[in-house]
Each structure stands twice: as C-alpha cells, then as structure tokens.
Amino acid sequence: MEMGPIMLKDALTRLKRAQGQLGAVIAMIENGDDCKRVLTQLAAVSSAVDRAGFKIIATGMRECQAARGRGEEPPMSEEELEKLFLALS
C-alpha cells in the first residue's frame, strides 16, 4: 500500500524530529557526555520512531476501512496489518 507524504505528514514530522534527536545523541556520545543524559535522549528517539510507526499503521488501517466502505478491495488484509503492527512491538 502506497501512502504519500501528505497522508503521512504527522509520521514524517515525527521521523524528522527523531532524526535531529539522534544526531544530538551521537554528538553527546562523541563529546563524552553523561551516560544518563545520553540514554534519556536515546529513549526519546526510540519513542519518536515507535510513534511514527504506529501512526503509519493507523493510517493504513483507515485507508483499508475507507476502501471497504467504498465497496473496494482494501490494499492490505487485516492479517497483513496485524503482522506489521506486531513487528513494531
């Protein structure tokens, strides 16, 4: 199922933010920053990436539901969506 950047704007925003956070974590490690601060920021990056993934799955679920509502074959089966969702956990 293809979903463009407009449909996934929120997920894309989260990923771009996570990209910036990851750069900061790398710089912190290179500068020998405090371990606790590094891990706190790394947890924030991980959470942002996870949330982006869940947002993408939710968008896919809405797309499938809308297709069914129009009487069309959804682009993905429920089993495929479930497998993707579980891959994130």
C-alpha atoms as a PDB file:
ATOM      1  CA  MET A   1       0.000   0.000   0.000  1.00  0.00           C
ATOM      2  CA  GLU A   2       1.444   3.324  -1.022  1.00  0.00           C
ATOM      3  CA  MET A   3       0.751   6.372   1.101  1.00  0.00           C
ATOM      4  CA  GLY A   4       2.217   9.699   0.146  1.00  0.00           C
ATOM      5  CA  PRO A   5       3.874  12.323   2.324  1.00  0.00           C
ATOM      6  CA  ILE A   6       0.668  14.349   2.649  1.00  0.00           C
ATOM      7  CA  MET A   7      -1.204  11.370   4.099  1.00  0.00           C
ATOM      8  CA  LEU A   8       1.681  10.612   6.442  1.00  0.00           C
ATOM      9  CA  LYS A   9       2.554  14.201   7.360  1.00  0.00           C
ATOM     10  CA  ASP A  10       2.447  13.581  11.127  1.00  0.00           C
ATOM     11  CA  ALA A  11       4.596  10.441  10.895  1.00  0.00           C
ATOM     12  CA  LEU A  12       7.075  12.269   8.671  1.00  0.00           C
ATOM     13  CA  THR A  13       7.270  15.161  11.141  1.00  0.00           C
ATOM     14  CA  ARG A  14       7.956  12.717  13.982  1.00  0.00           C
ATOM     15  CA  LEU A  15      10.683  10.959  11.989  1.00  0.00           C
ATOM     16  CA  LYS A  16      12.387  14.220  11.085  1.00  0.00           C
ATOM     17  CA  ARG A  17      12.337  15.242  14.742  1.00  0.00           C
ATOM     18  CA  ALA A  18      13.785  11.847  15.701  1.00  0.00           C
ATOM     19  CA  GLN A  19      16.497  12.287  13.085  1.00  0.00           C
ATOM     20  CA  GLY A  20      17.545  15.537  14.743  1.00  0.00           C
ATOM     21  CA  GLN A  21      17.413  13.966  18.188  1.00  0.00           C
ATOM     22  CA  LEU A  22      19.563  11.056  17.012  1.00  0.00           C
ATOM     23  CA  GLY A  23      22.154  13.479  15.687  1.00  0.00           C
ATOM     24  CA  ALA A  24      22.221  15.123  19.095  1.00  0.00           C
ATOM     25  CA  VAL A  25      22.663  11.738  20.807  1.00  0.00           C
ATOM     26  CA  ILE A  26      25.580  10.904  18.525  1.00  0.00           C
ATOM     27  CA  ALA A  27      27.182  14.267  19.321  1.00  0.00           C
ATOM     28  CA  MET A  28      26.647  13.670  23.043  1.00  0.00           C
ATOM     29  CA  ILE A  29      28.439  10.324  22.825  1.00  0.00           C
ATOM     30  CA  GLU A  30      31.274  11.800  20.758  1.00  0.00           C
ATOM     31  CA  ASN A  31      31.666  14.558  23.354  1.00  0.00           C
ATOM     32  CA  GLY A  32      31.723  12.102  26.244  1.00  0.00           C
ATOM     33  CA  ASP A  33      28.500  13.388  27.752  1.00  0.00           C
ATOM     34  CA  ASP A  34      26.897  11.899  30.857  1.00  0.00           C
ATOM     35  CA  CYS A  35      25.556   8.355  30.344  1.00  0.00           C
ATOM     36  CA  LYS A  36      22.206   9.122  31.964  1.00  0.00           C
ATOM     37  CA  ARG A  37      21.598  12.102  29.681  1.00  0.00           C
ATOM     38  CA  VAL A  38      22.590  10.085  26.605  1.00  0.00           C
ATOM     39  CA  LEU A  39      20.227   7.247  27.486  1.00  0.00           C
ATOM     40  CA  THR A  40      17.376   9.647  28.272  1.00  0.00           C
ATOM     41  CA  GLN A  41      17.726  11.236  24.843  1.00  0.00           C
ATOM     42  CA  LEU A  42      18.113   7.850  23.152  1.00  0.00           C
ATOM     43  CA  ALA A  43      14.850   6.721  24.784  1.00  0.00           C
ATOM     44  CA  ALA A  44      13.167   9.834  23.365  1.00  0.00           C
ATOM     45  CA  VAL A  45      14.442   8.972  19.876  1.00  0.00           C
ATOM     46  CA  SER A  46      13.198   5.410  20.210  1.00  0.00           C
ATOM     47  CA  SER A  47       9.775   6.593  21.353  1.00  0.00           C
ATOM     48  CA  ALA A  48       9.505   9.058  18.451  1.00  0.00           C
ATOM     49  CA  VAL A  49      10.335   6.337  15.913  1.00  0.00           C
ATOM     50  CA  ASP A  50       7.834   3.946  17.516  1.00  0.00           C
ATOM     51  CA  ARG A  51       5.099   6.571  17.456  1.00  0.00           C
ATOM     52  CA  ALA A  52       5.774   7.279  13.789  1.00  0.00           C
ATOM     53  CA  GLY A  53       5.422   3.580  13.037  1.00  0.00           C
ATOM     54  CA  PHE A  54       2.124   3.361  14.896  1.00  0.00           C
ATOM     55  CA  LYS A  55       0.901   6.442  13.052  1.00  0.00           C
ATOM     56  CA  ILE A  56       1.715   4.781   9.722  1.00  0.00           C
ATOM     57  CA  ILE A  57      -0.157   1.619  10.753  1.00  0.00           C
ATOM     58  CA  ALA A  58      -3.163   3.688  11.868  1.00  0.00           C
ATOM     59  CA  THR A  59      -3.191   5.489   8.526  1.00  0.00           C
ATOM     60  CA  GLY A  60      -3.081   2.148   6.725  1.00  0.00           C
ATOM     61  CA  MET A  61      -5.985   0.878   8.808  1.00  0.00           C
ATOM     62  CA  ARG A  62      -8.044   3.969   7.938  1.00  0.00           C
ATOM     63  CA  GLU A  63      -7.220   3.526   4.248  1.00  0.00           C
ATOM     64  CA  CYS A  64      -8.347  -0.099   4.336  1.00  0.00           C
ATOM     65  CA  GLN A  65     -11.545   0.814   6.170  1.00  0.00           C
ATOM     66  CA  ALA A  66     -12.303   3.567   3.656  1.00  0.00           C
ATOM     67  CA  ALA A  67     -11.756   1.168   0.743  1.00  0.00           C
ATOM     68  CA  ARG A  68     -14.168  -1.334   2.291  1.00  0.00           C
ATOM     69  CA  GLY A  69     -16.689   1.482   2.802  1.00  0.00           C
ATOM     70  CA  ARG A  70     -16.478   2.264  -0.910  1.00  0.00           C
ATOM     71  CA  GLY A  71     -17.010  -1.403  -1.740  1.00  0.00           C
ATOM     72  CA  GLU A  72     -13.412  -1.783  -2.952  1.00  0.00           C
ATOM     73  CA  GLU A  73     -10.820  -4.376  -2.092  1.00  0.00           C
ATOM     74  CA  PRO A  74      -8.578  -2.933   0.636  1.00  0.00           C
ATOM     75  CA  PRO A  75      -4.898  -2.543  -0.274  1.00  0.00           C
ATOM     76  CA  MET A  76      -3.895  -4.824   2.629  1.00  0.00           C
ATOM     77  CA  SER A  77      -5.600  -7.617   4.515  1.00  0.00           C
ATOM     78  CA  GLU A  78      -6.271  -7.407   8.244  1.00  0.00           C
ATOM     79  CA  GLU A  79      -3.681 -10.143   8.737  1.00  0.00           C
ATOM     80  CA  GLU A  80      -1.019  -8.111   6.915  1.00  0.00           C
ATOM     81  CA  LEU A  81      -1.790  -5.020   9.003  1.00  0.00           C
ATOM     82  CA  GLU A  82      -1.707  -7.059  12.191  1.00  0.00           C
ATOM     83  CA  LYS A  83       1.665  -8.536  11.240  1.00  0.00           C
ATOM     84  CA  LEU A  84       3.070  -5.049  10.636  1.00  0.00           C
ATOM     85  CA  PHE A  85       1.606  -3.779  13.901  1.00  0.00           C
ATOM     86  CA  LEU A  86       3.151  -6.648  15.848  1.00  0.00           C
ATOM     87  CA  ALA A  87       6.511  -6.035  14.164  1.00  0.00           C
ATOM     88  CA  LEU A  88       6.592  -2.662  15.928  1.00  0.00           C
ATOM     89  CA  SER A  89       6.085  -4.103  19.386  1.00  0.00           C
END
